[in-house]
Amino acid sequence: MQVGQSAVVSRSYSRADLEGFAQLAGSGVPVTVPEPLIAALFSYLLGVELPGPGTNYLKQELHFLAPASVDTELTARVEITRLRTDKHLVDLWATCTDANGVLICEGRSLVKAKDVAA
C-alpha cells in the first residue's frame, strides 16, 4: 500500500433495489438512493479492494451533499491519504459522484489493516 493508491467501484440502484431495502428496513420505499446503500459502496471497497480482506473499520465520517437518483450510475472511490505503519492504520478519503459528475458524498475513513507498509 502507498499514499495516493486508490480503488473505484461503480453501480446503480434500481427501483427493485430500493423496494428490497425498504422491506429490510421496515419502511416505505425511498424516492432517492438511501445513504446506507451509498455507504455500502465504500464498505465494499475497503473490505474487498483497498486495503482488502481483514480490514477493520475504526472510524468513518461521510457528508452527504446531494441526493442520488434511482437508476443513475454512482462511482465510489477511496484513496489512501496516510499510512501509519507502526499501528497498522490507513487513512482514506472517500468520494461518490453520479454519472453527471455531481458530488453525492465525501468523507474520511480510518481502518486497521493487516499489511500496512510505506
PDB file of N, CA and C in Angstrom:
ATOM      1  N   MET A   1       0.840  -1.179   0.000  1.00  0.00           N
ATOM      2  CA  MET A   1       0.000   0.000   0.000  1.00  0.00           C
ATOM      3  C   MET A   1       0.882   1.238   0.000  1.00  0.00           C
ATOM      4  N   GLN A   2       0.361   2.282  -0.637  1.00  0.00           N
ATOM      5  CA  GLN A   2       1.096   3.539  -0.642  1.00  0.00           C
ATOM      6  C   GLN A   2       0.120   4.713  -0.709  1.00  0.00           C
ATOM      7  N   VAL A   3       0.558   5.845  -0.201  1.00  0.00           N
ATOM      8  CA  VAL A   3      -0.250   7.060  -0.256  1.00  0.00           C
ATOM      9  C   VAL A   3      -0.541   7.379  -1.719  1.00  0.00           C
ATOM     10  N   GLY A   4      -1.785   7.712  -2.008  1.00  0.00           N
ATOM     11  CA  GLY A   4      -2.208   8.017  -3.368  1.00  0.00           C
ATOM     12  C   GLY A   4      -2.851   6.836  -4.074  1.00  0.00           C
ATOM     13  N   GLN A   5      -2.646   5.631  -3.555  1.00  0.00           N
ATOM     14  CA  GLN A   5      -3.266   4.445  -4.150  1.00  0.00           C
ATOM     15  C   GLN A   5      -4.777   4.541  -3.966  1.00  0.00           C
ATOM     16  N   SER A   6      -5.532   4.109  -4.987  1.00  0.00           N
ATOM     17  CA  SER A   6      -6.990   4.224  -4.902  1.00  0.00           C
ATOM     18  C   SER A   6      -7.676   2.992  -5.477  1.00  0.00           C
ATOM     19  N   ALA A   7      -8.961   2.891  -5.176  1.00  0.00           N
ATOM     20  CA  ALA A   7      -9.818   1.833  -5.708  1.00  0.00           C
ATOM     21  C   ALA A   7     -11.167   2.460  -6.019  1.00  0.00           C
ATOM     22  N   VAL A   8     -11.818   1.938  -7.062  1.00  0.00           N
ATOM     23  CA  VAL A   8     -13.077   2.508  -7.549  1.00  0.00           C
ATOM     24  C   VAL A   8     -14.071   1.393  -7.837  1.00  0.00           C
ATOM     25  N   VAL A   9     -15.339   1.676  -7.573  1.00  0.00           N
ATOM     26  CA  VAL A   9     -16.419   0.776  -7.964  1.00  0.00           C
ATOM     27  C   VAL A   9     -17.596   1.637  -8.438  1.00  0.00           C
ATOM     28  N   SER A  10     -18.302   1.144  -9.442  1.00  0.00           N
ATOM     29  CA  SER A  10     -19.478   1.837  -9.953  1.00  0.00           C
ATOM     30  C   SER A  10     -20.667   0.898  -9.967  1.00  0.00           C
ATOM     31  N   ARG A  11     -21.827   1.443  -9.680  1.00  0.00           N
ATOM     32  CA  ARG A  11     -23.069   0.680  -9.774  1.00  0.00           C
ATOM     33  C   ARG A  11     -24.249   1.635  -9.692  1.00  0.00           C
ATOM     34  N   SER A  12     -25.386   1.156 -10.133  1.00  0.00           N
ATOM     35  CA  SER A  12     -26.621   1.918  -9.998  1.00  0.00           C
ATOM     36  C   SER A  12     -27.587   1.096  -9.167  1.00  0.00           C
ATOM     37  N   TYR A  13     -28.537   1.767  -8.562  1.00  0.00           N
ATOM     38  CA  TYR A  13     -29.570   1.111  -7.770  1.00  0.00           C
ATOM     39  C   TYR A  13     -30.904   1.294  -8.478  1.00  0.00           C
ATOM     40  N   SER A  14     -31.605   0.187  -8.678  1.00  0.00           N
ATOM     41  CA  SER A  14     -32.893   0.208  -9.369  1.00  0.00           C
ATOM     42  C   SER A  14     -34.034   0.411  -8.372  1.00  0.00           C
ATOM     43  N   ARG A  15     -35.190   0.610  -8.906  1.00  0.00           N
ATOM     44  CA  ARG A  15     -36.396   0.709  -8.071  1.00  0.00           C
ATOM     45  C   ARG A  15     -36.567  -0.580  -7.259  1.00  0.00           C
ATOM     46  N   ALA A  16     -36.284  -1.726  -7.873  1.00  0.00           N
ATOM     47  CA  ALA A  16     -36.377  -3.008  -7.162  1.00  0.00           C
ATOM     48  C   ALA A  16     -35.384  -3.068  -5.994  1.00  0.00           C
ATOM     49  N   ASP A  17     -34.184  -2.519  -6.184  1.00  0.00           N
ATOM     50  CA  ASP A  17     -33.212  -2.459  -5.094  1.00  0.00           C
ATOM     51  C   ASP A  17     -33.763  -1.654  -3.919  1.00  0.00           C
ATOM     52  N   LEU A  18     -34.391  -0.522  -4.238  1.00  0.00           N
ATOM     53  CA  LEU A  18     -34.942   0.330  -3.179  1.00  0.00           C
ATOM     54  C   LEU A  18     -36.117  -0.340  -2.486  1.00  0.00           C
ATOM     55  N   GLU A  19     -36.912  -1.090  -3.245  1.00  0.00           N
ATOM     56  CA  GLU A  19     -38.017  -1.837  -2.648  1.00  0.00           C
ATOM     57  C   GLU A  19     -37.478  -2.905  -1.696  1.00  0.00           C
ATOM     58  N   GLY A  20     -36.418  -3.587  -2.099  1.00  0.00           N
ATOM     59  CA  GLY A  20     -35.784  -4.573  -1.227  1.00  0.00           C
ATOM     60  C   GLY A  20     -35.215  -3.935   0.026  1.00  0.00           C
ATOM     61  N   PHE A  21     -34.599  -2.787  -0.121  1.00  0.00           N
ATOM     62  CA  PHE A  21     -34.058  -2.056   1.021  1.00  0.00           C
ATOM     63  C   PHE A  21     -35.191  -1.683   1.978  1.00  0.00           C
ATOM     64  N   ALA A  22     -36.294  -1.160   1.430  1.00  0.00           N
ATOM     65  CA  ALA A  22     -37.429  -0.753   2.263  1.00  0.00           C
ATOM     66  C   ALA A  22     -38.000  -1.943   3.027  1.00  0.00           C
ATOM     67  N   GLN A  23     -38.061  -3.086   2.376  1.00  0.00           N
ATOM     68  CA  GLN A  23     -38.582  -4.284   3.036  1.00  0.00           C
ATOM     69  C   GLN A  23     -37.676  -4.691   4.201  1.00  0.00           C
ATOM     70  N   LEU A  24     -36.364  -4.659   3.985  1.00  0.00           N
ATOM     71  CA  LEU A  24     -35.426  -4.995   5.059  1.00  0.00           C
ATOM     72  C   LEU A  24     -35.465  -3.975   6.195  1.00  0.00           C
ATOM     73  N   ALA A  25     -35.631  -2.708   5.835  1.00  0.00           N
ATOM     74  CA  ALA A  25     -35.622  -1.637   6.825  1.00  0.00           C
ATOM     75  C   ALA A  25     -36.968  -1.482   7.525  1.00  0.00           C
ATOM     76  N   GLY A  26     -38.005  -2.082   6.949  1.00  0.00           N
ATOM     77  CA  GLY A  26     -39.338  -1.933   7.534  1.00  0.00           C
ATOM     78  C   GLY A  26     -39.889  -0.537   7.363  1.00  0.00           C
ATOM     79  N   SER A  27     -39.569   0.075   6.223  1.00  0.00           N
ATOM     80  CA  SER A  27     -40.007   1.442   5.967  1.00  0.00           C
ATOM     81  C   SER A  27     -40.619   1.542   4.577  1.00  0.00           C
ATOM     82  N   GLY A  28     -41.069   2.740   4.246  1.00  0.00           N
ATOM     83  CA  GLY A  28     -41.594   2.972   2.910  1.00  0.00           C
ATOM     84  C   GLY A  28     -40.469   3.008   1.890  1.00  0.00           C
ATOM     85  N   VAL A  29     -40.837   2.827   0.633  1.00  0.00           N
ATOM     86  CA  VAL A  29     -39.841   2.838  -0.441  1.00  0.00           C
ATOM     87  C   VAL A  29     -39.344   4.272  -0.651  1.00  0.00           C
ATOM     88  N   PRO A  30     -38.035   4.490  -0.555  1.00  0.00           N
ATOM     89  CA  PRO A  30     -37.489   5.839  -0.737  1.00  0.00           C
ATOM     90  C   PRO A  30     -37.541   6.266  -2.213  1.00  0.00           C
ATOM     91  N   VAL A  31     -37.527   7.577  -2.440  1.00  0.00           N
ATOM     92  CA  VAL A  31     -37.551   8.087  -3.819  1.00  0.00           C
ATOM     93  C   VAL A  31     -36.151   8.318  -4.368  1.00  0.00           C
ATOM     94  N   THR A  32     -35.165   8.420  -3.487  1.00  0.00           N
ATOM     95  CA  THR A  32     -33.763   8.526  -3.900  1.00  0.00           C
ATOM     96  C   THR A  32     -32.988   7.398  -3.214  1.00  0.00           C
ATOM     97  N   VAL A  33     -31.770   7.174  -3.647  1.00  0.00           N
ATOM     98  CA  VAL A  33     -30.955   6.106  -3.074  1.00  0.00           C
ATOM     99  C   VAL A  33     -30.624   6.457  -1.617  1.00  0.00           C
ATOM    100  N   PRO A  34     -30.966   5.587  -0.680  1.00  0.00           N
ATOM    101  CA  PRO A  34     -30.684   5.851   0.736  1.00  0.00           C
ATOM    102  C   PRO A  34     -29.183   5.917   1.023  1.00  0.00           C
ATOM    103  N   GLU A  35     -28.819   6.751   1.968  1.00  0.00           N
ATOM    104  CA  GLU A  35     -27.418   6.925   2.333  1.00  0.00           C
ATOM    105  C   GLU A  35     -26.724   5.616   2.720  1.00  0.00           C
ATOM    106  N   PRO A  36     -27.385   4.692   3.449  1.00  0.00           N
ATOM    107  CA  PRO A  36     -26.691   3.435   3.774  1.00  0.00           C
ATOM    108  C   PRO A  36     -26.294   2.618   2.539  1.00  0.00           C
ATOM    109  N   LEU A  37     -27.072   2.690   1.467  1.00  0.00           N
ATOM    110  CA  LEU A  37     -26.694   1.961   0.253  1.00  0.00           C
ATOM    111  C   LEU A  37     -25.472   2.590  -0.405  1.00  0.00           C
ATOM    112  N   ILE A  38     -25.359   3.897  -0.322  1.00  0.00           N
ATOM    113  CA  ILE A  38     -24.177   4.573  -0.862  1.00  0.00           C
ATOM    114  C   ILE A  38     -22.957   4.244   0.004  1.00  0.00           C
ATOM    115  N   ALA A  39     -23.130   4.294   1.322  1.00  0.00           N
ATOM    116  CA  ALA A  39     -22.032   3.968   2.232  1.00  0.00           C
ATOM    117  C   ALA A  39     -21.567   2.526   2.036  1.00  0.00           C
ATOM    118  N   ALA A  40     -22.476   1.643   1.624  1.00  0.00           N
ATOM    119  CA  ALA A  40     -22.115   0.244   1.382  1.00  0.00           C
ATOM    120  C   ALA A  40     -21.086   0.112   0.267  1.00  0.00           C
ATOM    121  N   LEU A  41     -21.088   1.037  -0.676  1.00  0.00           N
ATOM    122  CA  LEU A  41     -20.079   1.007  -1.739  1.00  0.00           C
ATOM    123  C   LEU A  41     -18.681   1.176  -1.157  1.00  0.00           C
ATOM    124  N   PHE A  42     -18.557   2.050  -0.157  1.00  0.00           N
ATOM    125  CA  PHE A  42     -17.262   2.244   0.495  1.00  0.00           C
ATOM    126  C   PHE A  42     -16.884   1.010   1.311  1.00  0.00           C
ATOM    127  N   SER A  43     -17.862   0.414   1.979  1.00  0.00           N
ATOM    128  CA  SER A  43     -17.601  -0.811   2.740  1.00  0.00           C
ATOM    129  C   SER A  43     -17.052  -1.892   1.821  1.00  0.00           C
ATOM    130  N   TYR A  44     -17.657  -2.019   0.641  1.00  0.00           N
ATOM    131  CA  TYR A  44     -17.167  -2.995  -0.337  1.00  0.00           C
ATOM    132  C   TYR A  44     -15.715  -2.697  -0.704  1.00  0.00           C
ATOM    133  N   LEU A  45     -15.434  -1.454  -1.071  1.00  0.00           N
ATOM    134  CA  LEU A  45     -14.072  -1.104  -1.490  1.00  0.00           C
ATOM    135  C   LEU A  45     -13.053  -1.389  -0.397  1.00  0.00           C
ATOM    136  N   LEU A  46     -13.366  -0.980   0.834  1.00  0.00           N
ATOM    137  CA  LEU A  46     -12.413  -1.144   1.929  1.00  0.00           C
ATOM    138  C   LEU A  46     -12.207  -2.613   2.296  1.00  0.00           C
ATOM    139  N   GLY A  47     -13.259  -3.400   2.239  1.00  0.00           N
ATOM    140  CA  GLY A  47     -13.152  -4.793   2.646  1.00  0.00           C
ATOM    141  C   GLY A  47     -12.685  -5.752   1.565  1.00  0.00           C
ATOM    142  N   VAL A  48     -12.857  -5.352   0.295  1.00  0.00           N
ATOM    143  CA  VAL A  48     -12.529  -6.264  -0.799  1.00  0.00           C
ATOM    144  C   VAL A  48     -11.351  -5.762  -1.636  1.00  0.00           C
ATOM    145  N   GLU A  49     -11.289  -4.467  -1.869  1.00  0.00           N
ATOM    146  CA  GLU A  49     -10.281  -3.911  -2.781  1.00  0.00           C
ATOM    147  C   GLU A  49      -9.089  -3.278  -2.068  1.00  0.00           C
ATOM    148  N   LEU A  50      -9.340  -2.272  -1.254  1.00  0.00           N
ATOM    149  CA  LEU A  50      -8.251  -1.474  -0.661  1.00  0.00           C
ATOM    150  C   LEU A  50      -8.657  -0.978   0.721  1.00  0.00           C
ATOM    151  N   PRO A  51      -8.051  -1.398   1.762  1.00  0.00           N
ATOM    152  CA  PRO A  51      -6.919  -2.298   1.872  1.00  0.00           C
ATOM    153  C   PRO A  51      -7.241  -3.760   1.563  1.00  0.00           C
ATOM    154  N   GLY A  52      -8.502  -4.189   1.706  1.00  0.00           N
ATOM    155  CA  GLY A  52      -8.858  -5.550   1.335  1.00  0.00           C
ATOM    156  C   GLY A  52      -9.249  -6.420   2.516  1.00  0.00           C
ATOM    157  N   PRO A  53      -9.290  -7.738   2.301  1.00  0.00           N
ATOM    158  CA  PRO A  53      -9.708  -8.668   3.349  1.00  0.00           C
ATOM    159  C   PRO A  53      -8.915  -8.478   4.639  1.00  0.00           C
ATOM    160  N   GLY A  54      -9.626  -8.584   5.761  1.00  0.00           N
ATOM    161  CA  GLY A  54      -9.001  -8.399   7.069  1.00  0.00           C
ATOM    162  C   GLY A  54      -9.052  -6.975   7.570  1.00  0.00           C
ATOM    163  N   THR A  55      -9.590  -6.058   6.762  1.00  0.00           N
ATOM    164  CA  THR A  55      -9.692  -4.651   7.160  1.00  0.00           C
ATOM    165  C   THR A  55     -10.762  -4.485   8.227  1.00  0.00           C
ATOM    166  N   ASN A  56     -10.460  -3.699   9.245  1.00  0.00           N
ATOM    167  CA  ASN A  56     -11.417  -3.380  10.305  1.00  0.00           C
ATOM    168  C   ASN A  56     -11.681  -1.882  10.335  1.00  0.00           C
ATOM    169  N   TYR A  57     -12.954  -1.512  10.257  1.00  0.00           N
ATOM    170  CA  TYR A  57     -13.342  -0.103  10.374  1.00  0.00           C
ATOM    171  C   TYR A  57     -13.060   0.380  11.784  1.00  0.00           C
ATOM    172  N   LEU A  58     -12.453   1.536  11.905  1.00  0.00           N
ATOM    173  CA  LEU A  58     -12.307   2.192  13.197  1.00  0.00           C
ATOM    174  C   LEU A  58     -13.163   3.444  13.258  1.00  0.00           C
ATOM    175  N   LYS A  59     -13.249   4.131  12.109  1.00  0.00           N
ATOM    176  CA  LYS A  59     -13.994   5.388  12.084  1.00  0.00           C
ATOM    177  C   LYS A  59     -14.346   5.720  10.640  1.00  0.00           C
ATOM    178  N   GLN A  60     -15.547   6.241  10.449  1.00  0.00           N
ATOM    179  CA  GLN A  60     -15.933   6.746   9.133  1.00  0.00           C
ATOM    180  C   GLN A  60     -16.809   7.963   9.327  1.00  0.00           C
ATOM    181  N   GLU A  61     -16.543   8.968   8.541  1.00  0.00           N
ATOM    182  CA  GLU A  61     -17.316  10.200   8.595  1.00  0.00           C
ATOM    183  C   GLU A  61     -17.651  10.586   7.163  1.00  0.00           C
ATOM    184  N   LEU A  62     -18.929  10.519   6.805  1.00  0.00           N
ATOM    185  CA  LEU A  62     -19.372  10.873   5.460  1.00  0.00           C
ATOM    186  C   LEU A  62     -20.301  12.062   5.513  1.00  0.00           C
ATOM    187  N   HIS A  63     -20.136  12.961   4.565  1.00  0.00           N
ATOM    188  CA  HIS A  63     -21.011  14.125   4.424  1.00  0.00           C
ATOM    189  C   HIS A  63     -21.771  13.963   3.119  1.00  0.00           C
ATOM    190  N   PHE A  64     -23.094  13.862   3.222  1.00  0.00           N
ATOM    191  CA  PHE A  64     -23.933  13.703   2.038  1.00  0.00           C
ATOM    192  C   PHE A  64     -24.346  15.083   1.547  1.00  0.00           C
ATOM    193  N   LEU A  65     -24.006  15.372   0.297  1.00  0.00           N
ATOM    194  CA  LEU A  65     -24.151  16.716  -0.251  1.00  0.00           C
ATOM    195  C   LEU A  65     -25.279  16.853  -1.263  1.00  0.00           C
ATOM    196  N   ALA A  66     -25.691  15.741  -1.871  1.00  0.00           N
ATOM    197  CA  ALA A  66     -26.743  15.780  -2.888  1.00  0.00           C
ATOM    198  C   ALA A  66     -27.434  14.422  -2.915  1.00  0.00           C
ATOM    199  N   PRO A  67     -28.704  14.401  -3.321  1.00  0.00           N
ATOM    200  CA  PRO A  67     -29.395  13.114  -3.424  1.00  0.00           C
ATOM    201  C   PRO A  67     -28.906  12.326  -4.633  1.00  0.00           C
ATOM    202  N   ALA A  68     -28.976  11.014  -4.523  1.00  0.00           N
ATOM    203  CA  ALA A  68     -28.602  10.135  -5.634  1.00  0.00           C
ATOM    204  C   ALA A  68     -29.885   9.576  -6.242  1.00  0.00           C
ATOM    205  N   SER A  69     -30.050   9.753  -7.525  1.00  0.00           N
ATOM    206  CA  SER A  69     -31.261   9.310  -8.216  1.00  0.00           C
ATOM    207  C   SER A  69     -31.229   7.818  -8.513  1.00  0.00           C
ATOM    208  N   VAL A  70     -32.403   7.230  -8.544  1.00  0.00           N
ATOM    209  CA  VAL A  70     -32.567   5.825  -8.901  1.00  0.00           C
ATOM    210  C   VAL A  70     -32.098   5.629 -10.345  1.00  0.00           C
ATOM    211  N   ASP A  71     -31.486   4.490 -10.621  1.00  0.00           N
ATOM    212  CA  ASP A  71     -31.011   4.097 -11.954  1.00  0.00           C
ATOM    213  C   ASP A  71     -29.903   4.989 -12.518  1.00  0.00           C
ATOM    214  N   THR A  72     -29.261   5.777 -11.675  1.00  0.00           N
ATOM    215  CA  THR A  72     -28.119   6.586 -12.097  1.00  0.00           C
ATOM    216  C   THR A  72     -26.850   5.913 -11.611  1.00  0.00           C
ATOM    217  N   GLU A  73     -25.880   5.764 -12.491  1.00  0.00           N
ATOM    218  CA  GLU A  73     -24.629   5.139 -12.087  1.00  0.00           C
ATOM    219  C   GLU A  73     -23.908   6.016 -11.071  1.00  0.00           C
ATOM    220  N   LEU A  74     -23.524   5.393  -9.970  1.00  0.00           N
ATOM    221  CA  LEU A  74     -22.750   6.053  -8.930  1.00  0.00           C
ATOM    222  C   LEU A  74     -21.349   5.475  -8.946  1.00  0.00           C
ATOM    223  N   THR A  75     -20.354   6.326  -8.764  1.00  0.00           N
ATOM    224  CA  THR A  75     -18.968   5.882  -8.717  1.00  0.00           C
ATOM    225  C   THR A  75     -18.385   6.258  -7.367  1.00  0.00           C
ATOM    226  N   ALA A  76     -18.018   5.231  -6.606  1.00  0.00           N
ATOM    227  CA  ALA A  76     -17.397   5.425  -5.297  1.00  0.00           C
ATOM    228  C   ALA A  76     -15.900   5.198  -5.440  1.00  0.00           C
ATOM    229  N   ARG A  77     -15.141   6.014  -4.728  1.00  0.00           N
ATOM    230  CA  ARG A  77     -13.681   5.937  -4.802  1.00  0.00           C
ATOM    231  C   ARG A  77     -13.101   6.145  -3.418  1.00  0.00           C
ATOM    232  N   VAL A  78     -12.106   5.365  -3.071  1.00  0.00           N
ATOM    233  CA  VAL A  78     -11.336   5.582  -1.847  1.00  0.00           C
ATOM    234  C   VAL A  78      -9.870   5.752  -2.236  1.00  0.00           C
ATOM    235  N   GLU A  79      -9.203   6.668  -1.557  1.00  0.00           N
ATOM    236  CA  GLU A  79      -7.782   6.926  -1.822  1.00  0.00           C
ATOM    237  C   GLU A  79      -7.031   7.020  -0.502  1.00  0.00           C
ATOM    238  N   ILE A  80      -5.904   6.336  -0.444  1.00  0.00           N
ATOM    239  CA  ILE A  80      -5.076   6.379   0.760  1.00  0.00           C
ATOM    240  C   ILE A  80      -4.449   7.765   0.889  1.00  0.00           C
ATOM    241  N   THR A  81      -4.661   8.385   2.053  1.00  0.00           N
ATOM    242  CA  THR A  81      -4.081   9.708   2.307  1.00  0.00           C
ATOM    243  C   THR A  81      -2.954   9.661   3.331  1.00  0.00           C
ATOM    244  N   ARG A  82      -2.931   8.592   4.126  1.00  0.00           N
ATOM    245  CA  ARG A  82      -1.878   8.478   5.144  1.00  0.00           C
ATOM    246  C   ARG A  82      -1.759   7.028   5.584  1.00  0.00           C
ATOM    247  N   LEU A  83      -0.540   6.594   5.782  1.00  0.00           N
ATOM    248  CA  LEU A  83      -0.257   5.270   6.324  1.00  0.00           C
ATOM    249  C   LEU A  83       0.477   5.423   7.645  1.00  0.00           C
ATOM    250  N   ARG A  84       0.023   4.709   8.655  1.00  0.00           N
ATOM    251  CA  ARG A  84       0.700   4.695   9.951  1.00  0.00           C
ATOM    252  C   ARG A  84       1.119   3.250  10.215  1.00  0.00           C
ATOM    253  N   THR A  85       2.276   2.907   9.645  1.00  0.00           N
ATOM    254  CA  THR A  85       2.731   1.524   9.645  1.00  0.00           C
ATOM    255  C   THR A  85       2.927   0.961  11.053  1.00  0.00           C
ATOM    256  N   ASP A  86       3.363   1.794  11.993  1.00  0.00           N
ATOM    257  CA  ASP A  86       3.619   1.311  13.351  1.00  0.00           C
ATOM    258  C   ASP A  86       2.349   0.817  14.037  1.00  0.00           C
ATOM    259  N   LYS A  87       1.180   1.340  13.624  1.00  0.00           N
ATOM    260  CA  LYS A  87      -0.088   0.942  14.242  1.00  0.00           C
ATOM    261  C   LYS A  87      -1.009   0.191  13.277  1.00  0.00           C
ATOM    262  N   HIS A  88      -0.530  -0.067  12.071  1.00  0.00           N
ATOM    263  CA  HIS A  88      -1.314  -0.754  11.034  1.00  0.00           C
ATOM    264  C   HIS A  88      -2.576   0.034  10.670  1.00  0.00           C
ATOM    265  N   LEU A  89      -2.464   1.359  10.654  1.00  0.00           N
ATOM    266  CA  LEU A  89      -3.605   2.223  10.359  1.00  0.00           C
ATOM    267  C   LEU A  89      -3.490   2.823   8.969  1.00  0.00           C
ATOM    268  N   VAL A  90      -4.656   2.950   8.333  1.00  0.00           N
ATOM    269  CA  VAL A  90      -4.738   3.536   6.999  1.00  0.00           C
ATOM    270  C   VAL A  90      -5.844   4.595   7.016  1.00  0.00           C
ATOM    271  N   ASP A  91      -5.479   5.821   6.634  1.00  0.00           N
ATOM    272  CA  ASP A  91      -6.458   6.893   6.454  1.00  0.00           C
ATOM    273  C   ASP A  91      -6.804   6.960   4.973  1.00  0.00           C
ATOM    274  N   LEU A  92      -8.090   7.086   4.677  1.00  0.00           N
ATOM    275  CA  LEU A  92      -8.535   7.165   3.282  1.00  0.00           C
ATOM    276  C   LEU A  92      -9.547   8.286   3.113  1.00  0.00           C
ATOM    277  N   TRP A  93      -9.556   8.886   1.930  1.00  0.00           N
ATOM    278  CA  TRP A  93     -10.555   9.871   1.546  1.00  0.00           C
ATOM    279  C   TRP A  93     -11.536   9.160   0.623  1.00  0.00           C
ATOM    280  N   ALA A  94     -12.810   9.330   0.883  1.00  0.00           N
ATOM    281  CA  ALA A  94     -13.849   8.652   0.124  1.00  0.00           C
ATOM    282  C   ALA A  94     -14.723   9.673  -0.595  1.00  0.00           C
ATOM    283  N   THR A  95     -15.039   9.397  -1.857  1.00  0.00           N
ATOM    284  CA  THR A  95     -15.956  10.251  -2.609  1.00  0.00           C
ATOM    285  C   THR A  95     -16.914   9.373  -3.407  1.00  0.00           C
ATOM    286  N   CYS A  96     -18.101   9.912  -3.647  1.00  0.00           N
ATOM    287  CA  CYS A  96     -19.069   9.253  -4.510  1.00  0.00           C
ATOM    288  C   CYS A  96     -19.677  10.323  -5.410  1.00  0.00           C
ATOM    289  N   THR A  97     -19.628  10.080  -6.710  1.00  0.00           N
ATOM    290  CA  THR A  97     -20.200  11.005  -7.683  1.00  0.00           C
ATOM    291  C   THR A  97     -21.222  10.271  -8.538  1.00  0.00           C
ATOM    292  N   ASP A  98     -22.137  11.049  -9.113  1.00  0.00           N
ATOM    293  CA  ASP A  98     -23.097  10.420 -10.023  1.00  0.00           C
ATOM    294  C   ASP A  98     -22.576  10.509 -11.451  1.00  0.00           C
ATOM    295  N   ALA A  99     -23.365  10.026 -12.396  1.00  0.00           N
ATOM    296  CA  ALA A  99     -22.940   9.965 -13.801  1.00  0.00           C
ATOM    297  C   ALA A  99     -22.680  11.333 -14.405  1.00  0.00           C
ATOM    298  N   ASN A 100     -23.242  12.381 -13.802  1.00  0.00           N
ATOM    299  CA  ASN A 100     -23.032  13.741 -14.295  1.00  0.00           C
ATOM    300  C   ASN A 100     -21.875  14.444 -13.596  1.00  0.00           C
ATOM    301  N   GLY A 101     -21.177  13.728 -12.720  1.00  0.00           N
ATOM    302  CA  GLY A 101     -20.053  14.313 -12.001  1.00  0.00           C
ATOM    303  C   GLY A 101     -20.442  15.060 -10.747  1.00  0.00           C
ATOM    304  N   VAL A 102     -21.710  14.981 -10.345  1.00  0.00           N
ATOM    305  CA  VAL A 102     -22.167  15.654  -9.126  1.00  0.00           C
ATOM    306  C   VAL A 102     -21.636  14.887  -7.915  1.00  0.00           C
ATOM    307  N   LEU A 103     -21.042  15.614  -6.990  1.00  0.00           N
ATOM    308  CA  LEU A 103     -20.514  15.002  -5.770  1.00  0.00           C
ATOM    309  C   LEU A 103     -21.683  14.680  -4.842  1.00  0.00           C
ATOM    310  N   ILE A 104     -21.924  13.402  -4.627  1.00  0.00           N
ATOM    311  CA  ILE A 104     -23.021  12.941  -3.780  1.00  0.00           C
ATOM    312  C   ILE A 104     -22.597  12.946  -2.315  1.00  0.00           C
ATOM    313  N   CYS A 105     -21.411  12.433  -2.046  1.00  0.00           N
ATOM    314  CA  CYS A 105     -20.896  12.466  -0.678  1.00  0.00           C
ATOM    315  C   CYS A 105     -19.379  12.377  -0.697  1.00  0.00           C
ATOM    316  N   GLU A 106     -18.805  12.767   0.437  1.00  0.00           N
ATOM    317  CA  GLU A 106     -17.367  12.684   0.622  1.00  0.00           C
ATOM    318  C   GLU A 106     -17.094  12.527   2.104  1.00  0.00           C
ATOM    319  N   GLY A 107     -15.915  12.025   2.409  1.00  0.00           N
ATOM    320  CA  GLY A 107     -15.571  11.883   3.810  1.00  0.00           C
ATOM    321  C   GLY A 107     -14.306  11.084   4.013  1.00  0.00           C
ATOM    322  N   ARG A 108     -14.063  10.782   5.264  1.00  0.00           N
ATOM    323  CA  ARG A 108     -12.822  10.135   5.685  1.00  0.00           C
ATOM    324  C   ARG A 108     -13.121   8.793   6.316  1.00  0.00           C
ATOM    325  N   SER A 109     -12.237   7.847   6.074  1.00  0.00           N
ATOM    326  CA  SER A 109     -12.306   6.544   6.727  1.00  0.00           C
ATOM    327  C   SER A 109     -10.965   6.257   7.388  1.00  0.00           C
ATOM    328  N   LEU A 110     -11.022   5.676   8.552  1.00  0.00           N
ATOM    329  CA  LEU A 110      -9.824   5.217   9.248  1.00  0.00           C
ATOM    330  C   LEU A 110     -10.020   3.733   9.493  1.00  0.00           C
ATOM    331  N   VAL A 111      -9.077   2.927   9.003  1.00  0.00           N
ATOM    332  CA  VAL A 111      -9.188   1.480   9.141  1.00  0.00           C
ATOM    333  C   VAL A 111      -7.891   0.896   9.663  1.00  0.00           C
ATOM    334  N   LYS A 112      -8.011  -0.276  10.245  1.00  0.00           N
ATOM    335  CA  LYS A 112      -6.842  -1.055  10.639  1.00  0.00           C
ATOM    336  C   LYS A 112      -6.718  -2.172   9.616  1.00  0.00           C
ATOM    337  N   ALA A 113      -5.523  -2.321   9.078  1.00  0.00           N
ATOM    338  CA  ALA A 113      -5.306  -3.309   8.016  1.00  0.00           C
ATOM    339  C   ALA A 113      -4.138  -4.222   8.376  1.00  0.00           C
ATOM    340  N   LYS A 114      -4.128  -5.384   7.753  1.00  0.00           N
ATOM    341  CA  LYS A 114      -3.099  -6.381   8.061  1.00  0.00           C
ATOM    342  C   LYS A 114      -1.702  -5.953   7.624  1.00  0.00           C
ATOM    343  N   ASP A 115      -1.511  -5.724   6.355  1.00  0.00           N
ATOM    344  CA  ASP A 115      -0.166  -5.491   5.814  1.00  0.00           C
ATOM    345  C   ASP A 115       0.015  -4.042   5.385  1.00  0.00           C
ATOM    346  N   VAL A 116       0.253  -3.179   6.356  1.00  0.00           N
ATOM    347  CA  VAL A 116       0.480  -1.769   6.064  1.00  0.00           C
ATOM    348  C   VAL A 116       1.972  -1.532   5.952  1.00  0.00           C
ATOM    349  N   ALA A 117       2.405  -1.148   4.779  1.00  0.00           N
ATOM    350  CA  ALA A 117       3.830  -0.854   4.565  1.00  0.00           C
ATOM    351  C   ALA A 117       3.938   0.431   3.780  1.00  0.00           C
ATOM    352  N   ALA A 118       4.876   1.254   4.143  1.00  0.00           N
ATOM    353  CA  ALA A 118       5.051   2.547   3.457  1.00  0.00           C
ATOM    354  C   ALA A 118       5.759   2.350   2.140  1.00  0.00           C
TER     355      ALA A 118
END
